[in-house]
Amino acid sequence: MSASYYLQDIRKEASLHPRHFLAPSPEEIASLQVGNMVRLFFVFNFQTADNCRAERMWVEISEINGETFKGYLTNQPHYIQELHKGDVISFTGSQIATILVAPQFDENKKAIITLRALEKGEINWALCAEPDNPEDSGWQLFHGDEDDAYLGNPDHAALISLAEVLHFEPRLESVFASEHAAFEWDPSINDFVAVQDFDTPEE
């Protein structure tokens, strides 16, 4: 009986879609130790009612042999019936999507994002202002081509957690950890760059 899932090759996806798939570097993979936590993408070989295609789950490394790893699944899968929390998972370095490190910012805090950026799944401008409340990160996220009329309509904006943003724009992680107030996407280097001569808008 064939498995109902497979582990996604993150390196391959990162080479095909470098903006939206950010793979750990070879140096980061080589520095992994037993006990470290890594996240893998378990892609389904079946359809779900809500069209979900994969579960992203954390594995605690228990054995390392070069680029081959084994570890214990630390999540209880929601969709994959044959897997359970505590099961041993075998995987390779190319299948590691994320290495758990101490957070440099609170991923649960909210940002304001335009619906255009949300619908396109691309953020090209990120600005940070003084937070309005303890749940607010201060970040405002734009696709980049919204005009004043669009931005003046509050129905064109939504709240989103920083963690949700990183699911489709992983390169914003260093932006959210920065103390700089403005960044723009630079396609020539496939990354966000700080905008130096920018004044954060006043409230």
Protein backbone atom coordinates (compact mmCIF):
# COMPACT_ATOMS: atom_id res chain seq x y z
CA MET A 1 0.00 0.00 0.00
CA SER A 2 1.47 3.34 -1.03
CA ALA A 3 1.82 6.19 1.45
CA SER A 4 -0.83 8.90 1.46
CA TYR A 5 1.83 11.63 1.54
CA TYR A 6 5.35 12.50 0.45
CA LEU A 7 7.90 14.97 1.82
CA GLN A 8 8.36 18.00 -0.39
CA ASP A 9 11.81 18.68 -1.85
CA ILE A 10 12.29 22.21 -0.52
CA ARG A 11 15.58 22.83 -2.35
CA LYS A 12 13.93 22.03 -5.67
CA GLU A 13 10.98 24.31 -4.89
CA ALA A 14 13.34 27.07 -3.76
CA SER A 15 15.22 26.88 -7.07
CA LEU A 16 11.95 27.09 -9.02
CA HIS A 17 10.26 29.69 -6.79
CA PRO A 18 13.07 31.51 -4.94
CA ARG A 19 10.82 34.28 -3.65
CA HIS A 20 8.26 32.09 -1.91
CA PHE A 21 10.40 29.10 -0.88
CA LEU A 22 13.38 29.94 1.31
CA ALA A 23 15.48 26.82 1.93
CA PRO A 24 18.07 26.55 4.74
CA SER A 25 21.64 26.98 3.52
CA PRO A 26 24.03 23.99 3.29
CA GLU A 27 25.93 25.49 6.25
CA GLU A 28 22.75 25.60 8.34
CA ILE A 29 21.95 21.98 7.46
CA ALA A 30 25.51 20.89 8.29
CA SER A 31 25.30 22.54 11.72
CA LEU A 32 22.18 20.62 12.79
CA GLN A 33 22.44 18.49 15.91
CA VAL A 34 20.35 15.81 17.60
CA GLY A 35 17.56 17.56 19.49
CA ASN A 36 17.14 20.39 16.98
CA MET A 37 13.66 21.00 15.61
CA VAL A 38 13.02 21.21 11.86
CA ARG A 39 9.84 21.69 9.86
CA LEU A 40 8.88 19.43 6.95
CA PHE A 41 6.08 19.76 4.38
CA PHE A 42 3.97 16.59 4.18
CA VAL A 43 2.23 16.82 0.78
CA PHE A 44 -0.94 14.78 0.30
CA ASN A 45 -1.49 12.12 -2.35
CA PHE A 46 -5.22 12.63 -1.83
CA GLN A 47 -7.85 15.35 -2.09
CA THR A 48 -9.31 17.10 0.95
CA ALA A 49 -12.72 18.72 1.24
CA ASP A 50 -11.13 22.13 1.84
CA ASN A 51 -8.48 21.70 -0.89
CA CYS A 52 -5.62 21.72 1.60
CA ARG A 53 -2.55 20.24 -0.10
CA ALA A 54 -0.07 19.71 2.73
CA GLU A 55 0.58 19.75 6.46
CA ARG A 56 3.60 21.62 7.78
CA MET A 57 4.85 19.80 10.86
CA TRP A 58 7.81 19.92 13.22
CA VAL A 59 10.18 16.99 13.76
CA GLU A 60 12.76 16.66 16.55
CA ILE A 61 15.99 15.22 15.15
CA SER A 62 17.04 11.96 16.81
CA GLU A 63 19.68 10.65 14.38
CA ILE A 64 22.01 12.22 11.79
CA ASN A 65 23.96 10.38 9.11
CA GLY A 66 25.40 12.93 6.69
CA GLU A 67 22.47 14.41 4.75
CA THR A 68 20.08 11.76 6.06
CA PHE A 69 18.09 12.35 9.23
CA LYS A 70 15.58 10.66 11.49
CA GLY A 71 13.35 12.38 14.00
CA TYR A 72 10.18 12.25 16.07
CA LEU A 73 7.03 13.92 14.80
CA THR A 74 5.99 16.51 17.41
CA ASN A 75 2.56 17.35 15.94
CA GLN A 76 -0.60 15.26 15.69
CA PRO A 77 -1.54 15.36 11.98
CA HIS A 78 -4.97 16.68 11.13
CA TYR A 79 -5.35 15.07 7.70
CA ILE A 80 -2.85 12.20 7.45
CA GLN A 81 -4.48 9.28 9.24
CA GLU A 82 -1.48 6.93 9.10
CA LEU A 83 0.82 9.30 11.01
CA HIS A 84 0.76 10.04 14.74
CA LYS A 85 2.63 12.29 17.12
CA GLY A 86 5.83 10.52 18.17
CA ASP A 87 6.25 8.54 14.93
CA VAL A 88 9.78 8.32 13.52
CA ILE A 89 10.21 10.23 10.26
CA SER A 90 13.14 9.68 7.88
CA PHE A 91 14.12 12.65 5.72
CA THR A 92 16.99 14.38 3.94
CA GLY A 93 18.51 17.82 4.20
CA SER A 94 16.82 18.88 0.96
CA GLN A 95 13.42 18.26 2.57
CA ILE A 96 13.98 20.61 5.52
CA ALA A 97 11.91 23.76 5.14
CA THR A 98 12.69 25.54 8.40
CA ILE A 99 15.08 25.20 11.32
CA LEU A 100 13.59 26.33 14.62
CA VAL A 101 15.55 29.18 16.18
CA ALA A 102 14.76 31.54 19.01
CA PRO A 103 12.23 34.07 17.67
CA GLN A 104 13.47 37.64 17.15
CA PHE A 105 9.94 39.05 17.08
CA ASP A 106 6.43 38.03 18.09
CA GLU A 107 4.93 36.18 15.11
CA ASN A 108 1.46 36.42 16.66
CA LYS A 109 1.33 40.20 16.40
CA LYS A 110 -0.76 41.68 13.62
CA ALA A 111 0.10 43.70 10.53
CA ILE A 112 -2.12 45.71 8.22
CA ILE A 113 -2.07 44.35 4.67
CA THR A 114 -3.86 45.59 1.57
CA LEU A 115 -6.27 43.18 -0.02
CA ARG A 116 -4.35 43.54 -3.28
CA ALA A 117 -1.15 42.27 -1.63
CA LEU A 118 -3.10 39.48 0.06
CA GLU A 119 -4.84 38.38 -3.14
CA LYS A 120 -1.63 38.54 -5.21
CA GLY A 121 0.38 36.78 -2.49
CA GLU A 122 3.18 39.33 -2.97
CA ILE A 123 4.35 42.21 -0.81
CA ASN A 124 6.65 44.77 -2.41
CA TRP A 125 6.55 47.51 0.23
CA ALA A 126 6.74 47.10 4.01
CA LEU A 127 6.50 50.11 6.32
CA CYS A 128 6.62 50.19 10.11
CA ALA A 129 4.93 52.81 12.31
CA GLU A 130 4.36 53.10 16.04
CA PRO A 131 2.06 50.23 17.14
CA ASP A 132 -1.50 51.20 18.13
CA ASN A 133 -1.89 48.50 20.80
CA PRO A 134 -0.04 45.50 22.32
CA GLU A 135 -1.32 43.17 19.57
CA ASP A 136 -0.16 45.49 16.77
CA SER A 137 3.29 44.97 15.21
CA GLY A 138 3.23 48.36 13.52
CA TRP A 139 3.90 46.83 10.10
CA GLN A 140 1.90 47.95 7.06
CA LEU A 141 2.24 45.78 3.96
CA PHE A 142 1.53 46.76 0.35
CA HIS A 143 1.65 45.20 -3.10
CA GLY A 144 3.15 48.47 -4.27
CA ASP A 145 0.82 49.68 -7.02
CA GLU A 146 -2.12 50.80 -4.84
CA ASP A 147 -3.11 54.42 -5.47
CA ASP A 148 -4.33 56.98 -2.91
CA ALA A 149 -7.98 56.27 -3.66
CA TYR A 150 -7.47 52.56 -3.04
CA LEU A 151 -5.53 53.13 0.17
CA GLY A 152 -8.11 55.64 1.39
CA ASN A 153 -10.80 52.95 1.52
CA PRO A 154 -10.60 51.00 4.81
CA ASP A 155 -12.39 48.06 3.15
CA HIS A 156 -9.23 47.48 1.11
CA ALA A 157 -7.18 46.51 4.19
CA ALA A 158 -7.10 43.51 6.49
CA LEU A 159 -5.33 42.34 9.64
CA ILE A 160 -2.96 39.40 9.39
CA SER A 161 -0.47 37.82 11.78
CA LEU A 162 3.22 38.04 10.97
CA ALA A 163 3.33 34.22 11.01
CA GLU A 164 0.69 34.06 8.27
CA VAL A 165 2.63 36.59 6.19
CA LEU A 166 5.79 34.48 6.40
CA HIS A 167 3.94 31.54 4.87
CA PHE A 168 3.89 33.30 1.49
CA GLU A 169 6.69 35.87 1.88
CA PRO A 170 9.38 34.07 3.93
CA ARG A 171 12.04 36.67 3.08
CA LEU A 172 10.20 39.17 5.27
CA GLU A 173 11.54 37.38 8.36
CA SER A 174 14.68 39.53 8.45
CA VAL A 175 12.55 42.62 7.77
CA PHE A 176 10.28 41.96 10.75
CA ALA A 177 13.36 41.44 12.96
CA SER A 178 14.90 44.73 11.80
CA GLU A 179 14.64 48.11 13.51
CA HIS A 180 14.47 49.87 10.14
CA ALA A 181 11.08 51.35 9.18
CA ALA A 182 10.83 50.84 5.42
CA PHE A 183 11.71 48.10 2.94
CA GLU A 184 11.02 47.43 -0.72
CA TRP A 185 11.34 44.31 -2.85
CA ASP A 186 14.35 44.34 -5.19
CA PRO A 187 13.84 41.73 -7.94
CA SER A 188 17.46 42.07 -9.07
CA ILE A 189 18.69 40.43 -5.87
CA ASN A 190 15.49 38.54 -5.03
CA ASP A 191 15.24 40.10 -1.58
CA PHE A 192 13.95 43.06 0.40
CA VAL A 193 16.21 46.10 0.80
CA ALA A 194 16.00 48.96 3.28
CA VAL A 195 14.77 52.31 1.97
CA GLN A 196 17.07 54.88 3.51
CA ASP A 197 15.45 58.24 2.75
CA PHE A 198 11.97 57.51 4.00
CA ASP A 199 9.99 59.12 6.81
CA THR A 200 7.49 56.86 8.55
CA PRO A 201 4.02 58.41 8.12
CA GLU A 202 2.67 60.21 11.15
CA GLU A 203 -0.47 58.90 12.80
